[in-house]
Amino acid sequence: MRERLNLGWLRQARRNRKLTLAAAAESIGKDRSTMWRYENDETPMTVDTLLQVLALYGVSVVDVIERIEEVPANGI
């Protein structure tokens, strides 16, 4: 087994802060399409970017750790 972050909750965290996708992207120096790919778990996020997003959204690292899920080695 390996672990991965499930970033599907990013959209709701952004909306809870009343930020548009474009505003959130601009705040961390990314473009809107990149943020969309992060929210849809299509692009992996670097640790630096994750920390920026967490600070922007007011989410703690502990909250993220609680969302780590185990996935089979073959990814299914």
N, C-alpha and C. Protein backbone atom coordinates (compact mmCIF):
# COMPACT_ATOMS: atom_id res chain seq x y z
N MET A 1 0.84 -1.19 0.00
CA MET A 1 0.00 0.00 0.00
C MET A 1 0.88 1.24 0.00
N ARG A 2 0.37 2.28 -0.58
CA ARG A 2 1.01 3.59 -0.52
C ARG A 2 -0.06 4.59 -0.13
N GLU A 3 0.38 5.77 0.24
CA GLU A 3 -0.56 6.80 0.66
C GLU A 3 -0.56 7.94 -0.33
N ARG A 4 -1.68 8.62 -0.42
CA ARG A 4 -1.76 9.80 -1.26
C ARG A 4 -2.72 10.79 -0.63
N LEU A 5 -2.53 12.04 -0.99
CA LEU A 5 -3.43 13.07 -0.52
C LEU A 5 -4.64 13.12 -1.42
N ASN A 6 -5.79 13.19 -0.83
CA ASN A 6 -7.01 13.42 -1.58
C ASN A 6 -7.27 14.92 -1.51
N LEU A 7 -7.11 15.60 -2.64
CA LEU A 7 -7.25 17.06 -2.65
C LEU A 7 -8.62 17.51 -3.13
N GLY A 8 -9.57 16.59 -3.20
CA GLY A 8 -10.91 16.94 -3.64
C GLY A 8 -11.62 17.94 -2.74
N TRP A 9 -11.17 18.10 -1.52
CA TRP A 9 -11.79 19.02 -0.57
C TRP A 9 -11.35 20.47 -0.79
N LEU A 10 -10.35 20.68 -1.66
CA LEU A 10 -9.84 22.04 -1.88
C LEU A 10 -10.92 23.01 -2.35
N ARG A 11 -11.77 22.55 -3.25
CA ARG A 11 -12.82 23.43 -3.78
C ARG A 11 -13.71 23.97 -2.67
N GLN A 12 -14.14 23.08 -1.78
CA GLN A 12 -15.01 23.52 -0.69
C GLN A 12 -14.27 24.45 0.26
N ALA A 13 -13.01 24.17 0.54
CA ALA A 13 -12.22 25.03 1.42
C ALA A 13 -12.09 26.43 0.81
N ARG A 14 -11.89 26.49 -0.50
CA ARG A 14 -11.80 27.79 -1.19
C ARG A 14 -13.14 28.52 -1.11
N ARG A 15 -14.20 27.81 -1.36
CA ARG A 15 -15.53 28.44 -1.32
C ARG A 15 -15.88 28.91 0.09
N ASN A 16 -15.45 28.16 1.09
CA ASN A 16 -15.69 28.58 2.48
C ASN A 16 -15.03 29.92 2.77
N ARG A 17 -13.94 30.22 2.08
CA ARG A 17 -13.25 31.49 2.24
C ARG A 17 -13.80 32.56 1.28
N LYS A 18 -14.82 32.17 0.50
CA LYS A 18 -15.46 33.07 -0.46
C LYS A 18 -14.48 33.61 -1.50
N LEU A 19 -13.61 32.72 -1.99
CA LEU A 19 -12.64 33.06 -3.01
C LEU A 19 -13.04 32.41 -4.33
N THR A 20 -12.88 33.15 -5.41
CA THR A 20 -13.05 32.55 -6.73
C THR A 20 -11.79 31.76 -7.05
N LEU A 21 -11.90 30.91 -8.03
CA LEU A 21 -10.74 30.13 -8.48
C LEU A 21 -9.64 31.08 -8.95
N ALA A 22 -10.03 32.10 -9.70
CA ALA A 22 -9.05 33.07 -10.21
C ALA A 22 -8.37 33.84 -9.09
N ALA A 23 -9.14 34.25 -8.08
CA ALA A 23 -8.57 35.01 -6.97
C ALA A 23 -7.60 34.15 -6.15
N ALA A 24 -7.97 32.91 -5.92
CA ALA A 24 -7.09 32.01 -5.18
C ALA A 24 -5.79 31.78 -5.95
N ALA A 25 -5.92 31.54 -7.25
CA ALA A 25 -4.75 31.30 -8.09
C ALA A 25 -3.82 32.51 -8.06
N GLU A 26 -4.38 33.68 -8.23
CA GLU A 26 -3.58 34.90 -8.24
C GLU A 26 -2.86 35.10 -6.90
N SER A 27 -3.51 34.76 -5.81
CA SER A 27 -2.93 34.93 -4.48
C SER A 27 -1.68 34.10 -4.26
N ILE A 28 -1.59 32.96 -4.94
CA ILE A 28 -0.40 32.12 -4.76
C ILE A 28 0.49 32.08 -6.00
N GLY A 29 0.20 32.94 -6.95
CA GLY A 29 1.06 33.05 -8.13
C GLY A 29 0.89 31.94 -9.15
N LYS A 30 -0.28 31.38 -9.22
CA LYS A 30 -0.59 30.33 -10.21
C LYS A 30 -1.68 30.84 -11.14
N ASP A 31 -1.89 30.13 -12.24
CA ASP A 31 -3.00 30.54 -13.10
C ASP A 31 -4.25 29.72 -12.76
N ARG A 32 -5.38 30.22 -13.23
CA ARG A 32 -6.67 29.63 -12.90
C ARG A 32 -6.74 28.16 -13.31
N SER A 33 -6.23 27.82 -14.48
CA SER A 33 -6.32 26.44 -14.95
C SER A 33 -5.49 25.49 -14.08
N THR A 34 -4.38 25.96 -13.56
CA THR A 34 -3.58 25.13 -12.66
C THR A 34 -4.34 24.87 -11.36
N MET A 35 -4.97 25.90 -10.83
CA MET A 35 -5.77 25.72 -9.61
C MET A 35 -6.91 24.75 -9.86
N TRP A 36 -7.53 24.85 -11.03
CA TRP A 36 -8.61 23.93 -11.37
C TRP A 36 -8.10 22.49 -11.37
N ARG A 37 -6.91 22.28 -11.93
CA ARG A 37 -6.33 20.93 -11.97
C ARG A 37 -5.99 20.43 -10.57
N TYR A 38 -5.54 21.32 -9.70
CA TYR A 38 -5.29 20.92 -8.30
C TYR A 38 -6.60 20.47 -7.65
N GLU A 39 -7.64 21.27 -7.80
CA GLU A 39 -8.93 20.95 -7.18
C GLU A 39 -9.53 19.67 -7.71
N ASN A 40 -9.24 19.35 -8.94
CA ASN A 40 -9.80 18.14 -9.54
C ASN A 40 -8.83 16.97 -9.47
N ASP A 41 -7.77 17.15 -8.69
CA ASP A 41 -6.78 16.09 -8.43
C ASP A 41 -6.16 15.57 -9.73
N GLU A 42 -5.99 16.48 -10.70
CA GLU A 42 -5.39 16.10 -11.98
C GLU A 42 -3.90 16.44 -12.04
N THR A 43 -3.46 17.34 -11.18
CA THR A 43 -2.06 17.76 -11.15
C THR A 43 -1.57 17.67 -9.72
N PRO A 44 -0.43 17.01 -9.51
CA PRO A 44 0.10 16.96 -8.15
C PRO A 44 0.57 18.35 -7.71
N MET A 45 0.46 18.60 -6.44
CA MET A 45 0.82 19.89 -5.87
C MET A 45 2.13 19.73 -5.10
N THR A 46 3.05 20.67 -5.28
CA THR A 46 4.28 20.63 -4.49
C THR A 46 3.97 20.96 -3.04
N VAL A 47 4.88 20.61 -2.17
CA VAL A 47 4.68 20.92 -0.75
C VAL A 47 4.61 22.43 -0.54
N ASP A 48 5.46 23.17 -1.24
CA ASP A 48 5.43 24.64 -1.11
C ASP A 48 4.07 25.20 -1.51
N THR A 49 3.54 24.72 -2.62
CA THR A 49 2.23 25.19 -3.08
C THR A 49 1.14 24.79 -2.10
N LEU A 50 1.20 23.55 -1.61
CA LEU A 50 0.21 23.09 -0.64
C LEU A 50 0.22 23.98 0.60
N LEU A 51 1.39 24.33 1.09
CA LEU A 51 1.48 25.19 2.27
C LEU A 51 0.90 26.58 1.99
N GLN A 52 1.12 27.11 0.79
CA GLN A 52 0.53 28.40 0.42
C GLN A 52 -0.99 28.31 0.40
N VAL A 53 -1.51 27.24 -0.19
CA VAL A 53 -2.96 27.06 -0.28
C VAL A 53 -3.56 26.89 1.11
N LEU A 54 -2.91 26.11 1.95
CA LEU A 54 -3.41 25.91 3.31
C LEU A 54 -3.48 27.23 4.06
N ALA A 55 -2.45 28.05 3.94
CA ALA A 55 -2.44 29.35 4.62
C ALA A 55 -3.56 30.23 4.08
N LEU A 56 -3.73 30.24 2.77
CA LEU A 56 -4.76 31.06 2.14
C LEU A 56 -6.16 30.63 2.57
N TYR A 57 -6.37 29.33 2.68
CA TYR A 57 -7.68 28.79 3.01
C TYR A 57 -7.92 28.65 4.50
N GLY A 58 -6.90 28.89 5.31
CA GLY A 58 -7.04 28.76 6.75
C GLY A 58 -7.21 27.32 7.20
N VAL A 59 -6.50 26.41 6.53
CA VAL A 59 -6.58 24.98 6.84
C VAL A 59 -5.25 24.57 7.47
N SER A 60 -5.30 23.74 8.50
CA SER A 60 -4.08 23.31 9.17
C SER A 60 -3.49 22.07 8.50
N VAL A 61 -2.21 21.87 8.73
CA VAL A 61 -1.53 20.68 8.21
C VAL A 61 -2.15 19.43 8.83
N VAL A 62 -2.58 19.50 10.06
CA VAL A 62 -3.23 18.36 10.72
C VAL A 62 -4.48 17.95 9.95
N ASP A 63 -5.25 18.92 9.49
CA ASP A 63 -6.45 18.61 8.70
C ASP A 63 -6.08 17.83 7.44
N VAL A 64 -4.96 18.19 6.83
CA VAL A 64 -4.52 17.50 5.61
C VAL A 64 -4.08 16.08 5.94
N ILE A 65 -3.33 15.93 7.01
CA ILE A 65 -2.85 14.62 7.39
C ILE A 65 -4.02 13.67 7.66
N GLU A 66 -5.08 14.18 8.24
CA GLU A 66 -6.25 13.35 8.50
C GLU A 66 -6.93 12.90 7.22
N ARG A 67 -6.63 13.55 6.11
CA ARG A 67 -7.25 13.20 4.83
C ARG A 67 -6.40 12.26 3.99
N ILE A 68 -5.24 11.88 4.50
CA ILE A 68 -4.39 10.93 3.75
C ILE A 68 -5.11 9.60 3.70
N GLU A 69 -5.10 9.01 2.54
CA GLU A 69 -5.78 7.73 2.39
C GLU A 69 -4.83 6.72 1.78
N GLU A 70 -5.02 5.47 2.14
CA GLU A 70 -4.20 4.41 1.56
C GLU A 70 -4.81 3.98 0.25
N VAL A 71 -3.94 3.77 -0.73
CA VAL A 71 -4.38 3.26 -2.02
C VAL A 71 -3.49 2.05 -2.37
N PRO A 72 -4.04 1.07 -3.04
CA PRO A 72 -3.25 -0.09 -3.42
C PRO A 72 -2.05 0.33 -4.28
N ALA A 73 -1.00 -0.45 -4.26
CA ALA A 73 0.21 -0.14 -5.01
C ALA A 73 -0.07 0.05 -6.50
N ASN A 74 -1.06 -0.63 -7.04
CA ASN A 74 -1.37 -0.50 -8.46
C ASN A 74 -2.26 0.68 -8.74
N GLY A 75 -2.62 1.47 -7.70
CA GLY A 75 -3.40 2.68 -7.89
C GLY A 75 -4.90 2.50 -7.98
N ILE A 76 -5.37 1.30 -7.85
CA ILE A 76 -6.81 1.05 -7.95
C ILE A 76 -7.45 1.14 -6.59
